[in-house]
Amino acid sequence: MANHASADKRHRQSERRRLHNKYYAKTTRNAIRALRNTSDKETAQSNAPKVYAMIDKLAKIGVIHKNKAANLKSGIAVYINKLS
């Protein structure tokens, strides 16, 4: 229970931001999962820039760390290069 109006407002804001971040993080995770389940190299290469943009946006707004974003993008690139 908030003791001040400002604490109550901060709670409302943080709840809204948590749900917003959760939505974008889950959407990006699903896109990464779909890309990694693709066995066709052409499809994976065409979808990669969209997924990279989603990952970059998460890092930019602070949902994930920039190093985690780099690691995810690197892993996707390695996966795509291994496809024949």
N, C-alpha and C. Protein backbone atom coordinates (compact mmCIF):
# COMPACT_ATOMS: atom_id res chain seq x y z
N MET A 1 0.84 -1.18 0.00
CA MET A 1 0.00 0.00 0.00
C MET A 1 0.88 1.24 0.00
N ALA A 2 0.62 2.15 -0.93
CA ALA A 2 1.41 3.36 -1.05
C ALA A 2 1.03 4.36 0.04
N ASN A 3 2.05 4.97 0.63
CA ASN A 3 1.82 5.96 1.68
C ASN A 3 1.72 7.38 1.13
N HIS A 4 2.15 7.59 -0.11
CA HIS A 4 2.12 8.91 -0.72
C HIS A 4 1.52 8.80 -2.12
N ALA A 5 0.99 9.91 -2.59
CA ALA A 5 0.42 9.94 -3.93
C ALA A 5 1.49 9.66 -4.97
N SER A 6 2.70 10.17 -4.74
CA SER A 6 3.77 9.96 -5.72
C SER A 6 4.18 8.49 -5.78
N ALA A 7 4.14 7.80 -4.63
CA ALA A 7 4.45 6.38 -4.62
C ALA A 7 3.37 5.58 -5.35
N ASP A 8 2.14 6.01 -5.21
CA ASP A 8 1.03 5.36 -5.90
C ASP A 8 1.18 5.54 -7.41
N LYS A 9 1.53 6.75 -7.82
CA LYS A 9 1.74 7.03 -9.24
C LYS A 9 2.91 6.21 -9.78
N ARG A 10 3.98 6.14 -9.02
CA ARG A 10 5.15 5.37 -9.45
C ARG A 10 4.79 3.90 -9.64
N HIS A 11 3.95 3.38 -8.75
CA HIS A 11 3.50 2.00 -8.87
C HIS A 11 2.69 1.78 -10.14
N ARG A 12 1.79 2.72 -10.44
CA ARG A 12 0.99 2.61 -11.66
C ARG A 12 1.89 2.66 -12.90
N GLN A 13 2.84 3.57 -12.90
CA GLN A 13 3.75 3.70 -14.05
C GLN A 13 4.58 2.44 -14.25
N SER A 14 5.12 1.93 -13.15
CA SER A 14 5.99 0.76 -13.27
C SER A 14 5.20 -0.46 -13.73
N GLU A 15 3.95 -0.56 -13.32
CA GLU A 15 3.11 -1.67 -13.76
C GLU A 15 2.84 -1.59 -15.26
N ARG A 16 2.52 -0.38 -15.74
CA ARG A 16 2.31 -0.19 -17.18
C ARG A 16 3.56 -0.52 -17.97
N ARG A 17 4.70 -0.05 -17.49
CA ARG A 17 5.96 -0.30 -18.19
C ARG A 17 6.33 -1.78 -18.16
N ARG A 18 6.06 -2.44 -17.05
CA ARG A 18 6.36 -3.86 -16.94
C ARG A 18 5.57 -4.66 -17.98
N LEU A 19 4.28 -4.35 -18.12
CA LEU A 19 3.45 -5.05 -19.09
C LEU A 19 3.89 -4.74 -20.52
N HIS A 20 4.26 -3.49 -20.77
CA HIS A 20 4.74 -3.09 -22.09
C HIS A 20 6.02 -3.84 -22.44
N ASN A 21 6.98 -3.85 -21.51
CA ASN A 21 8.25 -4.54 -21.74
C ASN A 21 8.05 -6.04 -21.91
N LYS A 22 7.14 -6.61 -21.11
CA LYS A 22 6.86 -8.04 -21.18
C LYS A 22 6.30 -8.41 -22.55
N TYR A 23 5.41 -7.58 -23.09
CA TYR A 23 4.82 -7.84 -24.39
C TYR A 23 5.89 -7.85 -25.48
N TYR A 24 6.74 -6.82 -25.51
CA TYR A 24 7.75 -6.73 -26.56
C TYR A 24 8.81 -7.81 -26.41
N ALA A 25 9.18 -8.15 -25.19
CA ALA A 25 10.17 -9.20 -24.97
C ALA A 25 9.63 -10.55 -25.42
N LYS A 26 8.39 -10.84 -25.11
CA LYS A 26 7.78 -12.11 -25.49
C LYS A 26 7.62 -12.20 -27.00
N THR A 27 7.22 -11.11 -27.64
CA THR A 27 7.07 -11.09 -29.09
C THR A 27 8.41 -11.35 -29.77
N THR A 28 9.46 -10.74 -29.24
CA THR A 28 10.79 -10.93 -29.82
C THR A 28 11.27 -12.35 -29.60
N ARG A 29 11.04 -12.90 -28.41
CA ARG A 29 11.44 -14.29 -28.15
C ARG A 29 10.74 -15.25 -29.11
N ASN A 30 9.45 -15.00 -29.39
CA ASN A 30 8.72 -15.85 -30.32
C ASN A 30 9.28 -15.74 -31.73
N ALA A 31 9.68 -14.53 -32.13
CA ALA A 31 10.26 -14.34 -33.46
C ALA A 31 11.60 -15.06 -33.57
N ILE A 32 12.40 -14.99 -32.51
CA ILE A 32 13.69 -15.68 -32.50
C ILE A 32 13.47 -17.19 -32.58
N ARG A 33 12.52 -17.68 -31.81
CA ARG A 33 12.22 -19.11 -31.81
C ARG A 33 11.75 -19.57 -33.19
N ALA A 34 10.90 -18.77 -33.83
CA ALA A 34 10.42 -19.13 -35.17
C ALA A 34 11.56 -19.14 -36.17
N LEU A 35 12.47 -18.19 -36.04
CA LEU A 35 13.61 -18.13 -36.96
C LEU A 35 14.52 -19.34 -36.76
N ARG A 36 14.75 -19.71 -35.52
CA ARG A 36 15.64 -20.85 -35.25
C ARG A 36 15.00 -22.19 -35.61
N ASN A 37 13.68 -22.23 -35.72
CA ASN A 37 13.00 -23.46 -36.13
C ASN A 37 12.89 -23.58 -37.65
N THR A 38 13.32 -22.54 -38.35
CA THR A 38 13.27 -22.57 -39.81
C THR A 38 14.44 -23.38 -40.34
N SER A 39 14.15 -24.26 -41.27
CA SER A 39 15.22 -25.07 -41.86
C SER A 39 15.60 -24.58 -43.25
N ASP A 40 14.88 -23.59 -43.78
CA ASP A 40 15.16 -23.05 -45.11
C ASP A 40 16.03 -21.80 -44.96
N LYS A 41 17.18 -21.81 -45.61
CA LYS A 41 18.14 -20.72 -45.47
C LYS A 41 17.61 -19.41 -46.04
N GLU A 42 16.90 -19.48 -47.16
CA GLU A 42 16.38 -18.26 -47.80
C GLU A 42 15.36 -17.57 -46.90
N THR A 43 14.48 -18.34 -46.31
CA THR A 43 13.48 -17.78 -45.40
C THR A 43 14.14 -17.17 -44.17
N ALA A 44 15.12 -17.88 -43.63
CA ALA A 44 15.82 -17.38 -42.45
C ALA A 44 16.55 -16.08 -42.76
N GLN A 45 17.19 -16.00 -43.92
CA GLN A 45 17.91 -14.78 -44.29
C GLN A 45 16.96 -13.62 -44.52
N SER A 46 15.78 -13.89 -45.05
CA SER A 46 14.84 -12.80 -45.29
C SER A 46 14.18 -12.30 -43.99
N ASN A 47 14.04 -13.19 -43.01
CA ASN A 47 13.43 -12.79 -41.74
C ASN A 47 14.44 -12.22 -40.75
N ALA A 48 15.72 -12.46 -40.96
CA ALA A 48 16.74 -12.04 -40.00
C ALA A 48 16.76 -10.53 -39.75
N PRO A 49 16.69 -9.67 -40.77
CA PRO A 49 16.72 -8.22 -40.48
C PRO A 49 15.58 -7.75 -39.60
N LYS A 50 14.41 -8.35 -39.75
CA LYS A 50 13.26 -7.97 -38.90
C LYS A 50 13.53 -8.36 -37.45
N VAL A 51 14.08 -9.55 -37.26
CA VAL A 51 14.37 -10.02 -35.90
C VAL A 51 15.50 -9.19 -35.29
N TYR A 52 16.52 -8.87 -36.10
CA TYR A 52 17.61 -8.02 -35.62
C TYR A 52 17.07 -6.67 -35.16
N ALA A 53 16.14 -6.11 -35.92
CA ALA A 53 15.56 -4.82 -35.55
C ALA A 53 14.80 -4.91 -34.23
N MET A 54 14.08 -6.01 -34.04
CA MET A 54 13.34 -6.20 -32.79
C MET A 54 14.30 -6.29 -31.60
N ILE A 55 15.40 -7.03 -31.79
CA ILE A 55 16.38 -7.19 -30.72
C ILE A 55 17.04 -5.84 -30.42
N ASP A 56 17.39 -5.10 -31.47
CA ASP A 56 18.02 -3.79 -31.27
C ASP A 56 17.10 -2.83 -30.52
N LYS A 57 15.81 -2.89 -30.82
CA LYS A 57 14.86 -2.02 -30.14
C LYS A 57 14.77 -2.37 -28.65
N LEU A 58 14.77 -3.66 -28.34
CA LEU A 58 14.74 -4.06 -26.93
C LEU A 58 15.96 -3.54 -26.19
N ALA A 59 17.12 -3.60 -26.84
CA ALA A 59 18.34 -3.11 -26.20
C ALA A 59 18.29 -1.59 -26.06
N LYS A 60 17.74 -0.92 -27.07
CA LYS A 60 17.70 0.54 -27.05
C LYS A 60 16.81 1.07 -25.92
N ILE A 61 15.66 0.42 -25.71
CA ILE A 61 14.75 0.91 -24.67
C ILE A 61 15.05 0.32 -23.30
N GLY A 62 16.07 -0.55 -23.23
CA GLY A 62 16.53 -1.01 -21.93
C GLY A 62 15.86 -2.26 -21.40
N VAL A 63 15.15 -2.99 -22.25
CA VAL A 63 14.51 -4.22 -21.79
C VAL A 63 15.56 -5.30 -21.61
N ILE A 64 16.51 -5.36 -22.55
CA ILE A 64 17.63 -6.29 -22.42
C ILE A 64 18.92 -5.50 -22.53
N HIS A 65 20.00 -6.08 -22.06
CA HIS A 65 21.32 -5.43 -22.10
C HIS A 65 21.87 -5.48 -23.52
N LYS A 66 22.69 -4.50 -23.86
CA LYS A 66 23.22 -4.44 -25.23
C LYS A 66 24.11 -5.63 -25.55
N ASN A 67 24.80 -6.18 -24.55
CA ASN A 67 25.63 -7.37 -24.81
C ASN A 67 24.77 -8.60 -25.06
N LYS A 68 23.65 -8.70 -24.38
CA LYS A 68 22.73 -9.81 -24.63
C LYS A 68 22.18 -9.71 -26.05
N ALA A 69 21.87 -8.49 -26.47
CA ALA A 69 21.38 -8.29 -27.83
C ALA A 69 22.43 -8.72 -28.85
N ALA A 70 23.67 -8.37 -28.59
CA ALA A 70 24.75 -8.75 -29.50
C ALA A 70 24.91 -10.27 -29.54
N ASN A 71 24.81 -10.91 -28.38
CA ASN A 71 24.93 -12.36 -28.32
C ASN A 71 23.79 -13.06 -29.07
N LEU A 72 22.58 -12.54 -28.93
CA LEU A 72 21.44 -13.12 -29.63
C LEU A 72 21.61 -12.99 -31.14
N LYS A 73 22.01 -11.80 -31.59
CA LYS A 73 22.20 -11.58 -33.02
C LYS A 73 23.32 -12.45 -33.57
N SER A 74 24.38 -12.62 -32.80
CA SER A 74 25.49 -13.47 -33.22
C SER A 74 25.04 -14.92 -33.34
N GLY A 75 24.26 -15.39 -32.39
CA GLY A 75 23.76 -16.75 -32.42
C GLY A 75 22.86 -17.00 -33.62
N ILE A 76 22.05 -16.01 -33.95
CA ILE A 76 21.18 -16.15 -35.12
C ILE A 76 22.02 -16.22 -36.39
N ALA A 77 23.05 -15.37 -36.48
CA ALA A 77 23.92 -15.37 -37.66
C ALA A 77 24.64 -16.71 -37.81
N VAL A 78 25.11 -17.26 -36.70
CA VAL A 78 25.78 -18.56 -36.74
C VAL A 78 24.81 -19.63 -37.22
N TYR A 79 23.57 -19.60 -36.72
CA TYR A 79 22.57 -20.57 -37.13
C TYR A 79 22.28 -20.48 -38.62
N ILE A 80 22.13 -19.25 -39.12
CA ILE A 80 21.82 -19.07 -40.54
C ILE A 80 22.97 -19.55 -41.40
N ASN A 81 24.19 -19.28 -40.99
CA ASN A 81 25.36 -19.71 -41.77
C ASN A 81 25.52 -21.22 -41.81
N LYS A 82 25.03 -21.90 -40.76
CA LYS A 82 25.14 -23.36 -40.73
C LYS A 82 24.11 -24.05 -41.63
N LEU A 83 23.03 -23.34 -41.95
CA LEU A 83 22.01 -23.92 -42.83
C LEU A 83 22.59 -24.12 -44.22
N SER A 84 22.19 -25.21 -44.86
CA SER A 84 22.73 -25.48 -46.21
C SER A 84 21.73 -25.07 -47.28
